[in-house]
Amino acid sequence: MSDDPQNNKPADDTQTPETQPGQQSADSSTGVPQEIVNKLVGEARQSGRTSAEKSLLEALGLDSIDALKSLVESEKQRKEAEMSEVEKAQALAEKARQELEAARNENAKILKQMRDNQRDSGLLSLLSNAHEPQKALILLKAEKAEAVDSLLGEDGTFNTEAAQKLITDYQTQNGYLFKSSNPGSPSNSGGKPPKPQAKLMEEAALEVKNKFGSI
């Protein structure tokens, strides 16, 4: 039996042959092997980068990428140093502000003490008929604090008239603290000699504590 002639027909010559090992595939549009196309594209990109880098270096007056990196690092360090100086300046300014505030507070305390001394001096001169003027003053300031504070004006003027009225009213309410016009009366404490200043302060503080619970 003879072979079928159709089965012995050669393969269609138009079929695309398979790429054999070692062969390079070609770009369909140019016929150039793909490997060569890829290489040319890579070289073009590299050439473009190199050209751009060269232009940048020339514009900056530098001769290499390393020099550019060094410049960037130096600029970074300079900015960090500047920030450190700013922070130091801010710290110094804050310290100066705090010192100024402390000085103002201290001056305010000194001025208040001076005003208190001036006011107390005026009151003591009007408390001369008290058995113990210092003790009477301490009690008066504790019981009539607002009225006492108002005796000295903003300009430092002592209101003698208001002070005299305050003491007169206080004497009426606390007659035992003051001398009587009649010698030998009970309010005169039997003509006892004056007590030392420290003792007067101690007794006044104790009396205030007994009245108000604290000085």
C-alpha atoms as a PDB file:
ATOM      1  CA  MET A   1       0.000   0.000   0.000  1.00  0.00           C
ATOM      2  CA  SER A   2       1.437   3.310  -1.083  1.00  0.00           C
ATOM      3  CA  ASP A   3       1.729   6.426   1.202  1.00  0.00           C
ATOM      4  CA  ASP A   4      -0.895   9.174   0.949  1.00  0.00           C
ATOM      5  CA  PRO A   5       0.599  11.939  -1.154  1.00  0.00           C
ATOM      6  CA  GLN A   6      -1.087  14.554   1.075  1.00  0.00           C
ATOM      7  CA  ASN A   7       0.719  13.253   4.114  1.00  0.00           C
ATOM      8  CA  ASN A   8       4.079  13.718   2.388  1.00  0.00           C
ATOM      9  CA  LYS A   9       3.556  17.445   1.572  1.00  0.00           C
ATOM     10  CA  PRO A  10       6.321  19.633   2.861  1.00  0.00           C
ATOM     11  CA  ALA A  11       5.510  22.177   5.599  1.00  0.00           C
ATOM     12  CA  ASP A  12       4.275  25.669   4.620  1.00  0.00           C
ATOM     13  CA  ASP A  13       7.290  27.870   4.012  1.00  0.00           C
ATOM     14  CA  THR A  14       5.424  30.901   5.454  1.00  0.00           C
ATOM     15  CA  GLN A  15       5.505  29.561   9.051  1.00  0.00           C
ATOM     16  CA  THR A  16       7.761  31.515  11.434  1.00  0.00           C
ATOM     17  CA  PRO A  17      10.746  29.351  12.289  1.00  0.00           C
ATOM     18  CA  GLU A  18      11.504  28.880  15.993  1.00  0.00           C
ATOM     19  CA  THR A  19      14.501  30.728  17.364  1.00  0.00           C
ATOM     20  CA  GLN A  20      17.289  28.297  17.743  1.00  0.00           C
ATOM     21  CA  PRO A  21      19.560  28.331  20.738  1.00  0.00           C
ATOM     22  CA  GLY A  22      22.228  31.022  20.343  1.00  0.00           C
ATOM     23  CA  GLN A  23      20.082  33.082  17.946  1.00  0.00           C
ATOM     24  CA  GLN A  24      19.026  36.666  18.814  1.00  0.00           C
ATOM     25  CA  SER A  25      15.389  37.747  18.480  1.00  0.00           C
ATOM     26  CA  ALA A  26      14.953  40.724  16.202  1.00  0.00           C
ATOM     27  CA  ASP A  27      12.877  43.886  16.640  1.00  0.00           C
ATOM     28  CA  SER A  28       9.914  43.460  14.315  1.00  0.00           C
ATOM     29  CA  SER A  29      10.048  47.078  13.135  1.00  0.00           C
ATOM     30  CA  THR A  30      13.777  47.328  12.432  1.00  0.00           C
ATOM     31  CA  GLY A  31      14.980  43.788  12.072  1.00  0.00           C
ATOM     32  CA  VAL A  32      17.718  44.614  14.640  1.00  0.00           C
ATOM     33  CA  PRO A  33      18.186  42.015  17.374  1.00  0.00           C
ATOM     34  CA  GLN A  34      16.321  43.020  20.596  1.00  0.00           C
ATOM     35  CA  GLU A  35      19.449  42.682  22.689  1.00  0.00           C
ATOM     36  CA  ILE A  36      21.178  45.319  20.592  1.00  0.00           C
ATOM     37  CA  VAL A  37      18.109  47.571  20.756  1.00  0.00           C
ATOM     38  CA  ASN A  38      18.078  47.335  24.570  1.00  0.00           C
ATOM     39  CA  LYS A  39      21.779  48.101  24.738  1.00  0.00           C
ATOM     40  CA  LEU A  40      21.420  51.168  22.506  1.00  0.00           C
ATOM     41  CA  VAL A  41      18.479  52.491  24.562  1.00  0.00           C
ATOM     42  CA  GLY A  42      20.399  51.993  27.808  1.00  0.00           C
ATOM     43  CA  GLU A  43      23.436  53.778  26.424  1.00  0.00           C
ATOM     44  CA  ALA A  44      21.235  56.662  25.261  1.00  0.00           C
ATOM     45  CA  ARG A  45      19.706  57.015  28.692  1.00  0.00           C
ATOM     46  CA  GLN A  46      23.108  56.889  30.353  1.00  0.00           C
ATOM     47  CA  SER A  47      24.426  59.448  27.896  1.00  0.00           C
ATOM     48  CA  GLY A  48      21.454  61.709  28.680  1.00  0.00           C
ATOM     49  CA  ARG A  49      22.057  61.445  32.424  1.00  0.00           C
ATOM     50  CA  THR A  50      25.742  62.120  31.977  1.00  0.00           C
ATOM     51  CA  SER A  51      25.001  65.157  29.843  1.00  0.00           C
ATOM     52  CA  ALA A  52      22.508  66.497  32.400  1.00  0.00           C
ATOM     53  CA  GLU A  53      24.929  65.928  35.249  1.00  0.00           C
ATOM     54  CA  LYS A  54      27.670  67.692  33.340  1.00  0.00           C
ATOM     55  CA  SER A  55      25.449  70.717  32.687  1.00  0.00           C
ATOM     56  CA  LEU A  56      24.451  70.902  36.354  1.00  0.00           C
ATOM     57  CA  LEU A  57      28.038  70.648  37.556  1.00  0.00           C
ATOM     58  CA  GLU A  58      29.134  73.380  35.154  1.00  0.00           C
ATOM     59  CA  ALA A  59      26.310  75.641  36.345  1.00  0.00           C
ATOM     60  CA  LEU A  60      27.394  75.132  39.961  1.00  0.00           C
ATOM     61  CA  GLY A  61      31.068  75.521  39.198  1.00  0.00           C
ATOM     62  CA  LEU A  62      31.846  71.982  40.309  1.00  0.00           C
ATOM     63  CA  ASP A  63      33.891  69.288  38.632  1.00  0.00           C
ATOM     64  CA  SER A  64      32.360  66.047  39.945  1.00  0.00           C
ATOM     65  CA  ILE A  65      29.341  64.434  41.531  1.00  0.00           C
ATOM     66  CA  ASP A  66      31.352  63.935  44.727  1.00  0.00           C
ATOM     67  CA  ALA A  67      31.941  67.669  44.887  1.00  0.00           C
ATOM     68  CA  LEU A  68      28.183  68.206  44.517  1.00  0.00           C
ATOM     69  CA  LYS A  69      27.467  65.752  47.330  1.00  0.00           C
ATOM     70  CA  SER A  70      30.013  67.536  49.508  1.00  0.00           C
ATOM     71  CA  LEU A  71      28.363  70.885  48.758  1.00  0.00           C
ATOM     72  CA  VAL A  72      24.917  69.552  49.699  1.00  0.00           C
ATOM     73  CA  GLU A  73      26.253  68.099  52.957  1.00  0.00           C
ATOM     74  CA  SER A  74      28.025  71.349  53.829  1.00  0.00           C
ATOM     75  CA  GLU A  75      24.821  73.318  53.216  1.00  0.00           C
ATOM     76  CA  LYS A  76      22.880  70.906  55.414  1.00  0.00           C
ATOM     77  CA  GLN A  77      25.377  71.297  58.245  1.00  0.00           C
ATOM     78  CA  ARG A  78      25.319  75.092  57.856  1.00  0.00           C
ATOM     79  CA  LYS A  79      21.534  75.177  58.189  1.00  0.00           C
ATOM     80  CA  GLU A  80      21.684  72.917  61.249  1.00  0.00           C
ATOM     81  CA  ALA A  81      24.302  75.213  62.797  1.00  0.00           C
ATOM     82  CA  GLU A  82      22.151  78.260  62.068  1.00  0.00           C
ATOM     83  CA  MET A  83      19.198  76.582  63.742  1.00  0.00           C
ATOM     84  CA  SER A  84      21.336  75.835  66.785  1.00  0.00           C
ATOM     85  CA  GLU A  85      22.341  79.508  66.993  1.00  0.00           C
ATOM     86  CA  VAL A  86      18.690  80.559  66.746  1.00  0.00           C
ATOM     87  CA  GLU A  87      17.778  78.188  69.544  1.00  0.00           C
ATOM     88  CA  LYS A  88      20.639  79.541  71.676  1.00  0.00           C
ATOM     89  CA  ALA A  89      19.475  83.089  71.046  1.00  0.00           C
ATOM     90  CA  GLN A  90      15.911  82.143  71.984  1.00  0.00           C
ATOM     91  CA  ALA A  91      17.129  80.512  75.209  1.00  0.00           C
ATOM     92  CA  LEU A  92      19.136  83.615  76.121  1.00  0.00           C
ATOM     93  CA  ALA A  93      16.130  85.832  75.393  1.00  0.00           C
ATOM     94  CA  GLU A  94      13.905  83.675  77.603  1.00  0.00           C
ATOM     95  CA  LYS A  95      16.469  83.775  80.413  1.00  0.00           C
ATOM     96  CA  ALA A  96      16.684  87.557  80.157  1.00  0.00           C
ATOM     97  CA  ARG A  97      12.877  87.794  80.238  1.00  0.00           C
ATOM     98  CA  GLN A  98      12.702  85.664  83.383  1.00  0.00           C
ATOM     99  CA  GLU A  99      15.433  87.696  85.087  1.00  0.00           C
ATOM    100  CA  LEU A 100      13.632  90.925  84.200  1.00  0.00           C
ATOM    101  CA  GLU A 101      10.364  89.555  85.545  1.00  0.00           C
ATOM    102  CA  ALA A 102      12.081  88.486  88.773  1.00  0.00           C
ATOM    103  CA  ALA A 103      13.645  91.941  89.136  1.00  0.00           C
ATOM    104  CA  ARG A 104      10.272  93.605  88.622  1.00  0.00           C
ATOM    105  CA  ASN A 105       8.671  91.355  91.238  1.00  0.00           C
ATOM    106  CA  GLU A 106      11.465  92.120  93.687  1.00  0.00           C
ATOM    107  CA  ASN A 107      11.129  95.856  93.066  1.00  0.00           C
ATOM    108  CA  ALA A 108       7.372  95.587  93.600  1.00  0.00           C
ATOM    109  CA  LYS A 109       7.970  93.851  96.941  1.00  0.00           C
ATOM    110  CA  ILE A 110      10.439  96.531  98.017  1.00  0.00           C
ATOM    111  CA  LEU A 111       8.063  99.335  97.034  1.00  0.00           C
ATOM    112  CA  LYS A 112       5.191  97.657  98.889  1.00  0.00           C
ATOM    113  CA  GLN A 113       7.336  97.265 101.994  1.00  0.00           C
ATOM    114  CA  MET A 114       8.298 100.937 101.815  1.00  0.00           C
ATOM    115  CA  ARG A 115       4.641 101.946 101.516  1.00  0.00           C
ATOM    116  CA  ASP A 116       3.679  99.638 104.396  1.00  0.00           C
ATOM    117  CA  ASN A 117       6.425 101.135 106.568  1.00  0.00           C
ATOM    118  CA  GLN A 118       5.279 104.657 105.736  1.00  0.00           C
ATOM    119  CA  ARG A 119       1.667 103.819 106.561  1.00  0.00           C
ATOM    120  CA  ASP A 120       2.576 101.983 109.770  1.00  0.00           C
ATOM    121  CA  SER A 121       4.726 104.891 110.887  1.00  0.00           C
ATOM    122  CA  GLY A 122       1.770 107.236 110.451  1.00  0.00           C
ATOM    123  CA  LEU A 123      -0.522 104.904 112.382  1.00  0.00           C
ATOM    124  CA  LEU A 124       1.951 104.453 115.223  1.00  0.00           C
ATOM    125  CA  SER A 125       2.150 108.195 115.674  1.00  0.00           C
ATOM    126  CA  LEU A 126      -1.649 108.163 116.213  1.00  0.00           C
ATOM    127  CA  LEU A 127      -1.552 105.138 118.534  1.00  0.00           C
ATOM    128  CA  SER A 128       0.593 106.838 121.141  1.00  0.00           C
ATOM    129  CA  ASN A 129      -2.196 106.537 123.736  1.00  0.00           C
ATOM    130  CA  ALA A 130      -2.283 102.716 123.415  1.00  0.00           C
ATOM    131  CA  HIS A 131      -0.736 100.690 126.199  1.00  0.00           C
ATOM    132  CA  GLU A 132       1.377  98.881 123.647  1.00  0.00           C
ATOM    133  CA  PRO A 133       1.306 100.765 120.286  1.00  0.00           C
ATOM    134  CA  GLN A 134       3.022  97.989 118.303  1.00  0.00           C
ATOM    135  CA  LYS A 135       0.574  95.381 119.583  1.00  0.00           C
ATOM    136  CA  ALA A 136      -2.375  97.672 118.888  1.00  0.00           C
ATOM    137  CA  LEU A 137      -1.088  98.274 115.350  1.00  0.00           C
ATOM    138  CA  ILE A 138      -0.799  94.540 114.631  1.00  0.00           C
ATOM    139  CA  LEU A 139      -4.343  93.936 115.874  1.00  0.00           C
ATOM    140  CA  LEU A 140      -5.690  96.937 113.951  1.00  0.00           C
ATOM    141  CA  LYS A 141      -4.096  95.724 110.679  1.00  0.00           C
ATOM    142  CA  ALA A 142      -5.467  92.217 111.236  1.00  0.00           C
ATOM    143  CA  GLU A 143      -9.021  93.329 112.041  1.00  0.00           C
ATOM    144  CA  LYS A 144      -9.279  96.336 109.695  1.00  0.00           C
ATOM    145  CA  ALA A 145      -6.973  95.301 106.869  1.00  0.00           C
ATOM    146  CA  GLU A 146      -8.937  96.894 104.023  1.00  0.00           C
ATOM    147  CA  ALA A 147      -9.394 100.191 105.850  1.00  0.00           C
ATOM    148  CA  VAL A 148      -5.712 100.277 106.817  1.00  0.00           C
ATOM    149  CA  ASP A 149      -4.573  99.609 103.238  1.00  0.00           C
ATOM    150  CA  SER A 150      -6.693 102.490 101.953  1.00  0.00           C
ATOM    151  CA  LEU A 151      -4.932 105.030 104.173  1.00  0.00           C
ATOM    152  CA  LEU A 152      -2.008 105.432 101.756  1.00  0.00           C
ATOM    153  CA  GLY A 153      -2.772 106.903  98.338  1.00  0.00           C
ATOM    154  CA  GLU A 154      -1.142 105.950  95.042  1.00  0.00           C
ATOM    155  CA  ASP A 155       1.038 109.055  95.320  1.00  0.00           C
ATOM    156  CA  GLY A 156       2.267 107.945  98.750  1.00  0.00           C
ATOM    157  CA  THR A 157       0.209 110.471 100.709  1.00  0.00           C
ATOM    158  CA  PHE A 158      -0.904 109.280 104.153  1.00  0.00           C
ATOM    159  CA  ASN A 159      -4.538 110.176 104.919  1.00  0.00           C
ATOM    160  CA  THR A 160      -4.139 111.383 108.492  1.00  0.00           C
ATOM    161  CA  GLU A 161      -7.787 112.364 108.900  1.00  0.00           C
ATOM    162  CA  ALA A 162      -9.080 108.930 107.836  1.00  0.00           C
ATOM    163  CA  ALA A 163      -6.435 107.234 109.991  1.00  0.00           C
ATOM    164  CA  GLN A 164      -7.449 109.237 113.062  1.00  0.00           C
ATOM    165  CA  LYS A 165     -11.122 108.322 112.566  1.00  0.00           C
ATOM    166  CA  LEU A 166     -10.218 104.658 112.104  1.00  0.00           C
ATOM    167  CA  ILE A 167      -8.203 104.606 115.329  1.00  0.00           C
ATOM    168  CA  THR A 168     -10.885 106.493 117.272  1.00  0.00           C
ATOM    169  CA  ASP A 169     -13.511 103.960 116.207  1.00  0.00           C
ATOM    170  CA  TYR A 170     -11.153 101.088 116.972  1.00  0.00           C
ATOM    171  CA  GLN A 171     -10.404 102.524 120.423  1.00  0.00           C
ATOM    172  CA  THR A 172     -14.134 102.732 121.146  1.00  0.00           C
ATOM    173  CA  GLN A 173     -14.498  99.034 120.266  1.00  0.00           C
ATOM    174  CA  ASN A 174     -11.297  97.917 122.045  1.00  0.00           C
ATOM    175  CA  GLY A 175     -10.874 100.269 124.961  1.00  0.00           C
ATOM    176  CA  TYR A 176      -8.768  97.793 126.936  1.00  0.00           C
ATOM    177  CA  LEU A 177      -5.892  98.378 124.487  1.00  0.00           C
ATOM    178  CA  PHE A 178      -5.729 102.102 125.244  1.00  0.00           C
ATOM    179  CA  LYS A 179      -4.814 104.270 128.227  1.00  0.00           C
ATOM    180  CA  SER A 180      -7.529 106.010 130.143  1.00  0.00           C
ATOM    181  CA  SER A 181      -7.464 109.742 130.691  1.00  0.00           C
ATOM    182  CA  ASN A 182      -7.852 108.983 134.417  1.00  0.00           C
ATOM    183  CA  PRO A 183      -4.536 107.866 136.003  1.00  0.00           C
ATOM    184  CA  GLY A 184      -4.749 104.637 138.003  1.00  0.00           C
ATOM    185  CA  SER A 185      -7.844 103.340 136.204  1.00  0.00           C
ATOM    186  CA  PRO A 186      -8.050  99.617 135.286  1.00  0.00           C
ATOM    187  CA  SER A 187      -7.369 100.404 131.661  1.00  0.00           C
ATOM    188  CA  ASN A 188      -4.032 101.859 132.633  1.00  0.00           C
ATOM    189  CA  SER A 189      -2.719  98.397 133.557  1.00  0.00           C
ATOM    190  CA  GLY A 190      -1.538  99.759 136.912  1.00  0.00           C
ATOM    191  CA  GLY A 191       1.112 101.901 135.274  1.00  0.00           C
ATOM    192  CA  LYS A 192       3.193  98.902 134.254  1.00  0.00           C
ATOM    193  CA  PRO A 193       6.480  99.639 132.441  1.00  0.00           C
ATOM    194  CA  PRO A 194       6.484  99.162 128.656  1.00  0.00           C
ATOM    195  CA  LYS A 195       7.298  95.696 127.364  1.00  0.00           C
ATOM    196  CA  PRO A 196      10.148  94.911 124.932  1.00  0.00           C
ATOM    197  CA  GLN A 197       9.315  95.083 121.223  1.00  0.00           C
ATOM    198  CA  ALA A 198       9.730  91.334 120.660  1.00  0.00           C
ATOM    199  CA  LYS A 199       7.369  90.568 123.537  1.00  0.00           C
ATOM    200  CA  LEU A 200       4.774  92.947 122.168  1.00  0.00           C
ATOM    201  CA  MET A 201       4.930  91.315 118.742  1.00  0.00           C
ATOM    202  CA  GLU A 202       4.595  87.863 120.250  1.00  0.00           C
ATOM    203  CA  GLU A 203       1.549  88.801 122.341  1.00  0.00           C
ATOM    204  CA  ALA A 204      -0.111  90.565 119.425  1.00  0.00           C
ATOM    205  CA  ALA A 205       0.402  87.580 117.165  1.00  0.00           C
ATOM    206  CA  LEU A 206      -1.080  85.272 119.800  1.00  0.00           C
ATOM    207  CA  GLU A 207      -4.108  87.496 120.249  1.00  0.00           C
ATOM    208  CA  VAL A 208      -4.709  87.663 116.508  1.00  0.00           C
ATOM    209  CA  LYS A 209      -4.431  83.881 116.310  1.00  0.00           C
ATOM    210  CA  ASN A 210      -6.969  83.470 119.101  1.00  0.00           C
ATOM    211  CA  LYS A 211      -9.377  85.812 117.312  1.00  0.00           C
ATOM    212  CA  PHE A 212      -8.996  84.663 113.720  1.00  0.00           C
ATOM    213  CA  GLY A 213      -7.395  81.239 113.893  1.00  0.00           C
ATOM    214  CA  SER A 214      -4.277  82.473 112.009  1.00  0.00           C
ATOM    215  CA  ILE A 215      -2.241  85.584 111.692  1.00  0.00           C
END
